[in-house]
Amino acid sequence: MRKLDAGSPAASLTLDFARRAKSRLRATLDDGRGVSVILPRGSWLRPGDLLGDDDGLVVEVCAAAEEVSIASTADPLLLARAAYHLGNRHVALQVRAGELLYLHDHVLDDMVRQLGLSVISAETPFEPEPGAYGDHAHSHGGHHGHHH
C-alpha cells in the first residue's frame, strides 16, 4: 500500500506511533486482512492518512490508544523548559495547550515533575509533532528509548 491524496476508505488500519513511524511494515487491517505498507524513507503515517493498493482498496490510518504521560502546567515558561529538556533527549512530543504528551516513561515523568509540572498517565492515541523540517520521523528513525 502507498499513500493517496484522496479516496473513500473501505477499510481502516489502526497502529501505534512506533508502527506509524516505519516506512516499511506488514500490518493487519482492522477487518483482519493482511497488508504491506511501503512509504518513502523518512516518512510516517498520521491519523487520517489514506493508503491504497493496485486493486483500488482505500484504507484510512487510525492512531491506536497507547500509554502516554501527560505533563501539564499553566506556566508557559515551565512548559517550554520541559519541552526543551524532553527534546534534548530526542523524545517524540505531542504539544497541546498547557500540556506535553510523550510515550510513558517513569524516568522522564520524574524529570518533568522535578521541573515543576504535574504528570499523569493515560491511554490515548499519540500524535507527536512531525518536526521542523516536514512530515517525517526523526533522522534516527523516530522515537527511540535511550536517555542521555
N, C-alpha and C. Protein backbone atom coordinates (compact mmCIF):
# COMPACT_ATOMS: atom_id res chain seq x y z
N MET A 1 0.85 -1.17 0.00
CA MET A 1 0.00 0.00 0.00
C MET A 1 0.90 1.23 0.00
N ARG A 2 0.39 2.30 -0.58
CA ARG A 2 1.10 3.57 -0.65
C ARG A 2 0.12 4.68 -0.28
N LYS A 3 0.66 5.86 0.06
CA LYS A 3 -0.18 7.00 0.43
C LYS A 3 -0.96 7.50 -0.78
N LEU A 4 -2.19 7.93 -0.51
CA LEU A 4 -3.06 8.53 -1.51
C LEU A 4 -3.38 9.96 -1.10
N ASP A 5 -3.71 10.78 -2.07
CA ASP A 5 -4.13 12.15 -1.78
C ASP A 5 -5.63 12.23 -1.49
N ALA A 6 -6.42 11.30 -2.04
CA ALA A 6 -7.87 11.34 -1.86
C ALA A 6 -8.43 9.95 -2.06
N GLY A 7 -9.66 9.77 -1.63
CA GLY A 7 -10.35 8.50 -1.81
C GLY A 7 -11.37 8.28 -0.72
N SER A 8 -12.22 7.30 -0.94
CA SER A 8 -13.24 6.93 0.05
C SER A 8 -12.81 5.63 0.71
N PRO A 9 -12.44 5.68 1.99
CA PRO A 9 -11.92 4.48 2.65
C PRO A 9 -12.98 3.39 2.77
N ALA A 10 -12.54 2.17 2.47
CA ALA A 10 -13.39 0.99 2.62
C ALA A 10 -12.91 0.13 3.78
N ALA A 11 -11.79 0.51 4.38
CA ALA A 11 -11.21 -0.24 5.50
C ALA A 11 -10.39 0.72 6.34
N SER A 12 -9.98 0.24 7.53
CA SER A 12 -9.14 1.06 8.41
C SER A 12 -7.97 0.24 8.92
N LEU A 13 -6.93 0.95 9.29
CA LEU A 13 -5.71 0.35 9.82
C LEU A 13 -5.32 1.13 11.07
N THR A 14 -5.41 0.48 12.23
CA THR A 14 -5.11 1.13 13.50
C THR A 14 -3.73 0.68 13.96
N LEU A 15 -2.84 1.68 14.15
CA LEU A 15 -1.45 1.41 14.53
C LEU A 15 -1.01 2.34 15.65
N ASP A 16 -0.09 1.85 16.50
CA ASP A 16 0.51 2.72 17.50
C ASP A 16 1.56 3.60 16.82
N PHE A 17 2.09 4.57 17.56
CA PHE A 17 3.04 5.50 16.97
C PHE A 17 4.28 4.81 16.42
N ALA A 18 4.84 3.86 17.15
CA ALA A 18 6.07 3.19 16.70
C ALA A 18 5.86 2.54 15.34
N ARG A 19 4.71 1.96 15.10
CA ARG A 19 4.44 1.32 13.80
C ARG A 19 4.13 2.36 12.74
N ARG A 20 3.47 3.47 13.12
CA ARG A 20 3.17 4.52 12.14
C ARG A 20 4.43 5.26 11.71
N ALA A 21 5.50 5.17 12.51
CA ALA A 21 6.76 5.85 12.19
C ALA A 21 7.66 5.03 11.28
N LYS A 22 7.24 3.84 10.89
CA LYS A 22 8.04 3.00 9.99
C LYS A 22 7.65 3.26 8.55
N SER A 23 8.63 3.23 7.66
CA SER A 23 8.33 3.44 6.24
C SER A 23 8.02 2.12 5.52
N ARG A 24 8.34 1.01 6.13
CA ARG A 24 8.03 -0.30 5.57
C ARG A 24 7.47 -1.17 6.69
N LEU A 25 6.30 -1.75 6.51
CA LEU A 25 5.76 -2.64 7.53
C LEU A 25 4.70 -3.55 6.95
N ARG A 26 4.57 -4.68 7.61
CA ARG A 26 3.46 -5.60 7.36
C ARG A 26 2.49 -5.37 8.50
N ALA A 27 1.21 -5.30 8.17
CA ALA A 27 0.21 -4.99 9.19
C ALA A 27 -1.08 -5.74 8.88
N THR A 28 -1.98 -5.70 9.83
CA THR A 28 -3.29 -6.32 9.67
C THR A 28 -4.34 -5.23 9.75
N LEU A 29 -5.17 -5.13 8.70
CA LEU A 29 -6.27 -4.17 8.72
C LEU A 29 -7.20 -4.51 9.87
N ASP A 30 -8.02 -3.56 10.28
CA ASP A 30 -8.93 -3.78 11.40
C ASP A 30 -9.93 -4.90 11.10
N ASP A 31 -10.15 -5.21 9.82
CA ASP A 31 -11.05 -6.32 9.45
C ASP A 31 -10.33 -7.66 9.31
N GLY A 32 -9.01 -7.69 9.61
CA GLY A 32 -8.27 -8.94 9.61
C GLY A 32 -7.44 -9.23 8.38
N ARG A 33 -7.58 -8.47 7.32
CA ARG A 33 -6.79 -8.69 6.10
C ARG A 33 -5.37 -8.19 6.30
N GLY A 34 -4.40 -8.91 5.78
CA GLY A 34 -3.00 -8.51 5.86
C GLY A 34 -2.63 -7.56 4.73
N VAL A 35 -1.75 -6.61 5.03
CA VAL A 35 -1.27 -5.66 4.04
C VAL A 35 0.21 -5.39 4.26
N SER A 36 0.85 -4.91 3.20
CA SER A 36 2.22 -4.40 3.29
C SER A 36 2.17 -2.92 2.97
N VAL A 37 2.82 -2.11 3.78
CA VAL A 37 2.85 -0.67 3.56
C VAL A 37 4.28 -0.28 3.17
N ILE A 38 4.39 0.44 2.07
CA ILE A 38 5.69 0.91 1.60
C ILE A 38 5.59 2.42 1.38
N LEU A 39 6.34 3.17 2.16
CA LEU A 39 6.35 4.62 2.08
C LEU A 39 7.75 5.09 1.72
N PRO A 40 7.88 6.31 1.23
CA PRO A 40 9.22 6.86 1.01
C PRO A 40 9.99 6.87 2.34
N ARG A 41 11.26 6.55 2.30
CA ARG A 41 12.09 6.54 3.52
C ARG A 41 11.96 7.88 4.25
N GLY A 42 11.86 7.80 5.57
CA GLY A 42 11.79 9.02 6.38
C GLY A 42 10.38 9.56 6.56
N SER A 43 9.39 8.99 5.89
CA SER A 43 8.02 9.48 6.09
C SER A 43 7.31 8.59 7.10
N TRP A 44 6.20 9.06 7.61
CA TRP A 44 5.43 8.28 8.57
C TRP A 44 3.95 8.48 8.32
N LEU A 45 3.16 7.62 8.94
CA LEU A 45 1.71 7.67 8.80
C LEU A 45 1.12 8.50 9.92
N ARG A 46 0.14 9.32 9.55
CA ARG A 46 -0.57 10.13 10.52
C ARG A 46 -2.04 9.73 10.50
N PRO A 47 -2.74 9.86 11.61
CA PRO A 47 -4.17 9.55 11.60
C PRO A 47 -4.88 10.34 10.50
N GLY A 48 -5.74 9.66 9.78
CA GLY A 48 -6.47 10.29 8.69
C GLY A 48 -5.81 10.11 7.34
N ASP A 49 -4.52 9.70 7.32
CA ASP A 49 -3.87 9.42 6.04
C ASP A 49 -4.63 8.31 5.32
N LEU A 50 -4.61 8.36 4.01
CA LEU A 50 -5.23 7.34 3.19
C LEU A 50 -4.16 6.53 2.48
N LEU A 51 -4.35 5.22 2.44
CA LEU A 51 -3.46 4.31 1.75
C LEU A 51 -4.25 3.60 0.67
N GLY A 52 -3.58 3.22 -0.39
CA GLY A 52 -4.25 2.49 -1.45
C GLY A 52 -3.38 1.41 -2.02
N ASP A 53 -4.03 0.43 -2.67
CA ASP A 53 -3.28 -0.62 -3.35
C ASP A 53 -3.64 -0.63 -4.83
N ASP A 54 -3.03 -1.52 -5.58
CA ASP A 54 -3.23 -1.59 -7.02
C ASP A 54 -4.64 -2.04 -7.40
N ASP A 55 -5.36 -2.67 -6.46
CA ASP A 55 -6.72 -3.14 -6.73
C ASP A 55 -7.78 -2.09 -6.42
N GLY A 56 -7.36 -0.90 -5.96
CA GLY A 56 -8.31 0.17 -5.68
C GLY A 56 -8.80 0.24 -4.24
N LEU A 57 -8.29 -0.63 -3.38
CA LEU A 57 -8.68 -0.58 -1.97
C LEU A 57 -8.12 0.69 -1.34
N VAL A 58 -8.98 1.43 -0.63
CA VAL A 58 -8.56 2.64 0.09
C VAL A 58 -8.73 2.38 1.58
N VAL A 59 -7.67 2.65 2.34
CA VAL A 59 -7.63 2.38 3.78
C VAL A 59 -7.30 3.67 4.51
N GLU A 60 -8.04 3.94 5.59
CA GLU A 60 -7.76 5.10 6.44
C GLU A 60 -6.92 4.67 7.63
N VAL A 61 -5.87 5.43 7.91
CA VAL A 61 -4.98 5.17 9.05
C VAL A 61 -5.59 5.78 10.31
N CYS A 62 -5.59 5.00 11.38
CA CYS A 62 -6.08 5.45 12.69
C CYS A 62 -4.97 5.26 13.73
N ALA A 63 -4.95 6.12 14.73
CA ALA A 63 -3.96 6.02 15.81
C ALA A 63 -4.53 5.15 16.93
N ALA A 64 -3.78 4.15 17.31
CA ALA A 64 -4.18 3.28 18.42
C ALA A 64 -3.98 4.01 19.75
N ALA A 65 -4.81 3.69 20.71
CA ALA A 65 -4.59 4.20 22.07
C ALA A 65 -3.36 3.50 22.64
N GLU A 66 -2.51 4.26 23.30
CA GLU A 66 -1.33 3.69 23.93
C GLU A 66 -1.02 4.47 25.21
N GLU A 67 -0.19 3.90 26.06
CA GLU A 67 0.10 4.54 27.34
C GLU A 67 1.03 5.73 27.13
N VAL A 68 0.53 6.89 27.50
CA VAL A 68 1.30 8.12 27.39
C VAL A 68 1.34 8.80 28.75
N SER A 69 2.30 9.67 28.88
CA SER A 69 2.36 10.57 30.04
C SER A 69 1.90 11.93 29.56
N ILE A 70 1.10 12.58 30.38
CA ILE A 70 0.62 13.93 30.07
C ILE A 70 1.16 14.85 31.15
N ALA A 71 2.11 15.71 30.74
CA ALA A 71 2.70 16.68 31.65
C ALA A 71 1.98 18.00 31.44
N SER A 72 1.54 18.62 32.53
CA SER A 72 0.77 19.85 32.37
C SER A 72 1.19 20.92 33.37
N THR A 73 0.96 22.16 32.95
CA THR A 73 1.20 23.32 33.80
C THR A 73 0.49 24.52 33.17
N ALA A 74 0.11 25.47 33.99
CA ALA A 74 -0.46 26.72 33.48
C ALA A 74 0.64 27.73 33.19
N ASP A 75 1.88 27.43 33.56
CA ASP A 75 3.01 28.34 33.40
C ASP A 75 3.71 28.07 32.06
N PRO A 76 3.60 28.98 31.09
CA PRO A 76 4.21 28.74 29.77
C PRO A 76 5.74 28.58 29.83
N LEU A 77 6.40 29.24 30.79
CA LEU A 77 7.85 29.09 30.91
C LEU A 77 8.21 27.68 31.35
N LEU A 78 7.49 27.12 32.32
CA LEU A 78 7.74 25.75 32.76
C LEU A 78 7.48 24.77 31.62
N LEU A 79 6.42 25.01 30.85
CA LEU A 79 6.10 24.14 29.71
C LEU A 79 7.23 24.17 28.68
N ALA A 80 7.74 25.35 28.39
CA ALA A 80 8.84 25.50 27.44
C ALA A 80 10.10 24.81 27.95
N ARG A 81 10.40 24.95 29.24
CA ARG A 81 11.57 24.29 29.81
C ARG A 81 11.45 22.77 29.70
N ALA A 82 10.28 22.25 30.02
CA ALA A 82 10.07 20.80 29.92
C ALA A 82 10.19 20.33 28.46
N ALA A 83 9.64 21.08 27.53
CA ALA A 83 9.75 20.72 26.11
C ALA A 83 11.22 20.72 25.68
N TYR A 84 11.97 21.70 26.15
CA TYR A 84 13.41 21.77 25.83
C TYR A 84 14.13 20.52 26.34
N HIS A 85 13.92 20.18 27.61
CA HIS A 85 14.63 19.05 28.20
C HIS A 85 14.21 17.72 27.57
N LEU A 86 12.94 17.57 27.26
CA LEU A 86 12.48 16.35 26.60
C LEU A 86 13.03 16.28 25.17
N GLY A 87 13.01 17.39 24.48
CA GLY A 87 13.56 17.44 23.13
C GLY A 87 15.05 17.15 23.10
N ASN A 88 15.75 17.60 24.12
CA ASN A 88 17.19 17.35 24.22
C ASN A 88 17.47 15.85 24.36
N ARG A 89 16.47 15.10 24.79
CA ARG A 89 16.58 13.65 24.94
C ARG A 89 15.96 12.92 23.73
N HIS A 90 15.65 13.68 22.68
CA HIS A 90 15.08 13.12 21.44
C HIS A 90 13.75 12.42 21.67
N VAL A 91 12.96 12.93 22.61
CA VAL A 91 11.67 12.35 22.91
C VAL A 91 10.62 12.91 21.95
N ALA A 92 9.87 12.04 21.31
CA ALA A 92 8.77 12.48 20.46
C ALA A 92 7.71 13.10 21.36
N LEU A 93 7.24 14.31 21.01
CA LEU A 93 6.29 15.06 21.84
C LEU A 93 5.05 15.45 21.06
N GLN A 94 3.92 15.31 21.71
CA GLN A 94 2.68 15.89 21.22
C GLN A 94 2.44 17.13 22.09
N VAL A 95 2.23 18.27 21.44
CA VAL A 95 2.08 19.53 22.17
C VAL A 95 0.63 19.97 22.10
N ARG A 96 0.04 20.22 23.26
CA ARG A 96 -1.31 20.77 23.36
C ARG A 96 -1.23 21.98 24.29
N ALA A 97 -2.27 22.78 24.31
CA ALA A 97 -2.30 23.96 25.17
C ALA A 97 -2.06 23.53 26.62
N GLY A 98 -0.94 23.98 27.19
CA GLY A 98 -0.62 23.69 28.59
C GLY A 98 -0.18 22.27 28.86
N GLU A 99 0.02 21.44 27.80
CA GLU A 99 0.35 20.03 28.01
C GLU A 99 1.40 19.53 27.01
N LEU A 100 2.19 18.60 27.48
CA LEU A 100 3.12 17.85 26.64
C LEU A 100 2.80 16.38 26.84
N LEU A 101 2.64 15.64 25.75
CA LEU A 101 2.40 14.21 25.81
C LEU A 101 3.59 13.48 25.22
N TYR A 102 3.98 12.39 25.84
CA TYR A 102 5.07 11.54 25.35
C TYR A 102 4.77 10.12 25.77
N LEU A 103 5.39 9.17 25.07
CA LEU A 103 5.18 7.77 25.45
C LEU A 103 5.64 7.58 26.88
N HIS A 104 4.82 6.90 27.66
CA HIS A 104 5.05 6.77 29.09
C HIS A 104 6.45 6.23 29.41
N ASP A 105 7.11 6.93 30.32
CA ASP A 105 8.45 6.55 30.78
C ASP A 105 8.60 7.14 32.18
N HIS A 106 8.73 6.28 33.18
CA HIS A 106 8.77 6.77 34.57
C HIS A 106 9.99 7.64 34.84
N VAL A 107 11.11 7.41 34.16
CA VAL A 107 12.29 8.25 34.36
C VAL A 107 12.01 9.67 33.86
N LEU A 108 11.40 9.76 32.67
CA LEU A 108 11.03 11.08 32.14
C LEU A 108 9.97 11.74 33.01
N ASP A 109 9.02 10.95 33.51
CA ASP A 109 8.00 11.50 34.42
C ASP A 109 8.66 12.16 35.63
N ASP A 110 9.63 11.48 36.23
CA ASP A 110 10.32 12.04 37.40
C ASP A 110 11.03 13.34 37.05
N MET A 111 11.71 13.37 35.89
CA MET A 111 12.42 14.58 35.47
C MET A 111 11.45 15.74 35.30
N VAL A 112 10.32 15.49 34.63
CA VAL A 112 9.34 16.54 34.36
C VAL A 112 8.72 17.03 35.66
N ARG A 113 8.45 16.12 36.59
CA ARG A 113 7.93 16.54 37.90
C ARG A 113 8.94 17.42 38.63
N GLN A 114 10.22 17.09 38.54
CA GLN A 114 11.26 17.90 39.19
C GLN A 114 11.33 19.30 38.58
N LEU A 115 10.91 19.44 37.33
CA LEU A 115 10.86 20.75 36.69
C LEU A 115 9.64 21.56 37.14
N GLY A 116 8.69 20.90 37.84
CA GLY A 116 7.54 21.61 38.39
C GLY A 116 6.22 21.35 37.69
N LEU A 117 6.15 20.39 36.79
CA LEU A 117 4.91 20.07 36.10
C LEU A 117 4.20 18.92 36.78
N SER A 118 2.90 18.82 36.58
CA SER A 118 2.12 17.66 37.01
C SER A 118 2.17 16.63 35.90
N VAL A 119 2.23 15.35 36.26
CA VAL A 119 2.27 14.29 35.27
C VAL A 119 1.27 13.21 35.64
N ILE A 120 0.46 12.82 34.66
CA ILE A 120 -0.45 11.69 34.81
C ILE A 120 -0.22 10.75 33.63
N SER A 121 -0.64 9.50 33.79
CA SER A 121 -0.61 8.53 32.69
C SER A 121 -2.02 8.36 32.16
N ALA A 122 -2.11 8.08 30.86
CA ALA A 122 -3.41 7.86 30.23
C ALA A 122 -3.26 6.96 29.02
N GLU A 123 -4.33 6.31 28.63
CA GLU A 123 -4.39 5.53 27.40
C GLU A 123 -5.10 6.40 26.37
N THR A 124 -4.37 6.85 25.36
CA THR A 124 -4.95 7.73 24.34
C THR A 124 -4.11 7.63 23.07
N PRO A 125 -4.69 7.95 21.91
CA PRO A 125 -3.86 8.00 20.71
C PRO A 125 -2.75 9.03 20.87
N PHE A 126 -1.58 8.74 20.34
CA PHE A 126 -0.41 9.60 20.45
C PHE A 126 -0.03 10.10 19.07
N GLU A 127 -0.02 11.42 18.90
CA GLU A 127 0.32 12.03 17.61
C GLU A 127 1.34 13.13 17.83
N PRO A 128 2.63 12.77 17.86
CA PRO A 128 3.67 13.76 18.13
C PRO A 128 3.88 14.72 16.97
N GLU A 129 4.53 15.82 17.28
CA GLU A 129 4.91 16.80 16.27
C GLU A 129 5.80 16.13 15.23
N PRO A 130 5.60 16.46 13.95
CA PRO A 130 6.43 15.83 12.91
C PRO A 130 7.83 16.38 12.84
N GLY A 131 8.11 17.51 13.43
CA GLY A 131 9.44 18.10 13.36
C GLY A 131 9.43 19.35 12.50
N ALA A 132 10.45 20.13 12.65
CA ALA A 132 10.50 21.44 11.98
C ALA A 132 10.75 21.34 10.49
N TYR A 133 11.19 20.21 10.00
CA TYR A 133 11.59 20.11 8.59
C TYR A 133 10.62 19.29 7.76
N GLY A 134 9.38 19.12 8.22
CA GLY A 134 8.40 18.42 7.41
C GLY A 134 7.81 17.23 8.12
N ASP A 135 6.98 16.51 7.38
CA ASP A 135 6.23 15.38 7.91
C ASP A 135 7.04 14.10 7.78
N HIS A 136 8.06 13.97 8.61
CA HIS A 136 8.88 12.77 8.59
C HIS A 136 9.37 12.48 10.00
N ALA A 137 9.77 11.24 10.20
CA ALA A 137 10.26 10.84 11.51
C ALA A 137 11.64 11.42 11.76
N HIS A 138 12.03 11.46 13.00
CA HIS A 138 13.36 11.92 13.42
C HIS A 138 14.43 11.18 12.62
N SER A 139 15.50 11.83 12.32
CA SER A 139 16.54 11.25 11.46
C SER A 139 17.13 9.96 12.01
N HIS A 140 16.96 9.69 13.30
CA HIS A 140 17.44 8.42 13.86
C HIS A 140 16.37 7.35 13.79
N GLY A 141 15.21 7.65 13.15
CA GLY A 141 14.17 6.63 12.99
C GLY A 141 12.99 6.82 13.90
N GLY A 142 12.70 8.01 14.34
CA GLY A 142 11.53 8.23 15.18
C GLY A 142 11.88 8.11 16.65
N HIS A 143 10.88 7.78 17.47
CA HIS A 143 11.09 7.66 18.90
C HIS A 143 12.05 6.51 19.18
N HIS A 144 12.99 6.73 20.04
CA HIS A 144 13.88 5.68 20.47
C HIS A 144 14.09 5.81 21.96
N GLY A 145 14.49 4.70 22.56
CA GLY A 145 14.43 4.62 24.00
C GLY A 145 15.63 5.08 24.78
N HIS A 146 16.67 5.60 24.17
CA HIS A 146 17.81 5.97 25.01
C HIS A 146 17.59 7.32 25.69
N HIS A 147 18.21 7.46 26.82
CA HIS A 147 18.12 8.71 27.59
C HIS A 147 19.53 9.13 27.93
N HIS A 148 19.84 10.40 27.66
CA HIS A 148 21.20 10.89 27.91
C HIS A 148 21.36 11.26 29.37
